[in-house]
Amino acid sequence: MKGIDDPAKRKQLLDGAFGLQNGHLTGKNILLFDDLYVTLSAAWDIITNQGKAKNVYVLTITKTRSKR
């Protein structure tokens, strides 16, 4: 995903990548962490809408690399 600069293309690639049984996370607090926000955003959508989580916290940590 890091090699794809187009945000729309990233989103398109993630559509349908995650899934949950309805209500599987109902009422639970969830922490997601990844190095790309777009991945977390896609997972967050599934966890809140299908999983019915109480709260979803997101942490993104990455190191920027220069192209040499």
C-alpha atoms as a PDB file:
ATOM      1  CA  MET A   1       0.000   0.000   0.000  1.00  0.00           C
ATOM      2  CA  LYS A   2       2.874   2.393   0.660  1.00  0.00           C
ATOM      3  CA  GLY A   3       3.879   2.236  -2.988  1.00  0.00           C
ATOM      4  CA  ILE A   4       0.445   3.431  -4.116  1.00  0.00           C
ATOM      5  CA  ASP A   5       0.297   7.222  -4.065  1.00  0.00           C
ATOM      6  CA  ASP A   6      -3.314   7.606  -5.242  1.00  0.00           C
ATOM      7  CA  PRO A   7      -5.687   7.631  -2.203  1.00  0.00           C
ATOM      8  CA  ALA A   8      -8.646   6.556  -4.359  1.00  0.00           C
ATOM      9  CA  LYS A   9      -6.699   3.522  -5.610  1.00  0.00           C
ATOM     10  CA  ARG A  10      -5.760   2.577  -2.031  1.00  0.00           C
ATOM     11  CA  LYS A  11      -9.406   2.787  -0.963  1.00  0.00           C
ATOM     12  CA  GLN A  12     -10.493   0.727  -3.959  1.00  0.00           C
ATOM     13  CA  LEU A  13      -7.975  -2.010  -3.094  1.00  0.00           C
ATOM     14  CA  LEU A  14      -9.244  -2.150   0.504  1.00  0.00           C
ATOM     15  CA  ASP A  15     -12.955  -2.363  -0.372  1.00  0.00           C
ATOM     16  CA  GLY A  16     -14.084  -5.789   0.805  1.00  0.00           C
ATOM     17  CA  ALA A  17     -10.723  -6.625   2.404  1.00  0.00           C
ATOM     18  CA  PHE A  18     -12.157  -6.861   5.929  1.00  0.00           C
ATOM     19  CA  GLY A  19     -15.220  -8.588   7.293  1.00  0.00           C
ATOM     20  CA  LEU A  20     -16.892  -9.546  10.569  1.00  0.00           C
ATOM     21  CA  GLN A  21     -19.906 -11.413  11.749  1.00  0.00           C
ATOM     22  CA  ASN A  22     -22.622  -8.930  12.702  1.00  0.00           C
ATOM     23  CA  GLY A  23     -22.514  -7.925  16.335  1.00  0.00           C
ATOM     24  CA  HIS A  24     -19.377  -9.949  17.100  1.00  0.00           C
ATOM     25  CA  LEU A  25     -17.757  -6.968  18.860  1.00  0.00           C
ATOM     26  CA  THR A  26     -20.921  -5.436  20.331  1.00  0.00           C
ATOM     27  CA  GLY A  27     -20.142  -3.168  23.266  1.00  0.00           C
ATOM     28  CA  LYS A  28     -16.391  -3.768  23.234  1.00  0.00           C
ATOM     29  CA  ASN A  29     -13.576  -1.215  23.153  1.00  0.00           C
ATOM     30  CA  ILE A  30     -11.154  -1.785  20.289  1.00  0.00           C
ATOM     31  CA  LEU A  31      -7.647  -0.451  19.634  1.00  0.00           C
ATOM     32  CA  LEU A  32      -6.372  -0.565  16.051  1.00  0.00           C
ATOM     33  CA  PHE A  33      -2.841   0.306  15.085  1.00  0.00           C
ATOM     34  CA  ASP A  34      -1.068   0.245  11.755  1.00  0.00           C
ATOM     35  CA  ASP A  35       1.430   2.284   9.772  1.00  0.00           C
ATOM     36  CA  LEU A  36      -1.141   3.516   7.239  1.00  0.00           C
ATOM     37  CA  TYR A  37      -4.221   5.481   8.168  1.00  0.00           C
ATOM     38  CA  VAL A  38      -6.122   4.330   5.073  1.00  0.00           C
ATOM     39  CA  THR A  39      -5.932   0.703   6.262  1.00  0.00           C
ATOM     40  CA  LEU A  40      -7.119   1.677   9.724  1.00  0.00           C
ATOM     41  CA  SER A  41      -9.971   3.683   8.265  1.00  0.00           C
ATOM     42  CA  ALA A  42     -11.226   0.687   6.299  1.00  0.00           C
ATOM     43  CA  ALA A  43     -10.992  -1.597   9.344  1.00  0.00           C
ATOM     44  CA  TRP A  44     -12.655   1.027  11.564  1.00  0.00           C
ATOM     45  CA  ASP A  45     -15.620   1.192   9.215  1.00  0.00           C
ATOM     46  CA  ILE A  46     -16.200  -2.571   9.448  1.00  0.00           C
ATOM     47  CA  ILE A  47     -15.678  -2.711  13.226  1.00  0.00           C
ATOM     48  CA  THR A  48     -18.114   0.104  13.952  1.00  0.00           C
ATOM     49  CA  ASN A  49     -20.801  -0.776  11.405  1.00  0.00           C
ATOM     50  CA  GLN A  50     -20.740  -4.585  11.354  1.00  0.00           C
ATOM     51  CA  GLY A  51     -19.036  -5.313  14.666  1.00  0.00           C
ATOM     52  CA  LYS A  52     -21.059  -2.764  16.666  1.00  0.00           C
ATOM     53  CA  ALA A  53     -18.050  -1.905  18.850  1.00  0.00           C
ATOM     54  CA  LYS A  54     -18.630   0.567  21.671  1.00  0.00           C
ATOM     55  CA  ASN A  55     -15.464   2.576  20.986  1.00  0.00           C
ATOM     56  CA  VAL A  56     -12.710   2.268  18.393  1.00  0.00           C
ATOM     57  CA  TYR A  57      -9.375   3.927  19.053  1.00  0.00           C
ATOM     58  CA  VAL A  58      -6.872   4.323  16.237  1.00  0.00           C
ATOM     59  CA  LEU A  59      -3.104   4.757  16.422  1.00  0.00           C
ATOM     60  CA  THR A  60      -0.946   5.336  13.368  1.00  0.00           C
ATOM     61  CA  ILE A  61       2.827   5.216  13.658  1.00  0.00           C
ATOM     62  CA  THR A  62       5.181   5.386  10.719  1.00  0.00           C
ATOM     63  CA  LYS A  63       8.661   6.429   9.773  1.00  0.00           C
ATOM     64  CA  THR A  64       9.012   8.584   6.699  1.00  0.00           C
ATOM     65  CA  ARG A  65      11.633   7.348   4.303  1.00  0.00           C
ATOM     66  CA  SER A  66      13.248   9.539   1.727  1.00  0.00           C
ATOM     67  CA  LYS A  67      13.545   8.250  -1.816  1.00  0.00           C
ATOM     68  CA  ARG A  68      17.228   7.968  -2.648  1.00  0.00           C
END
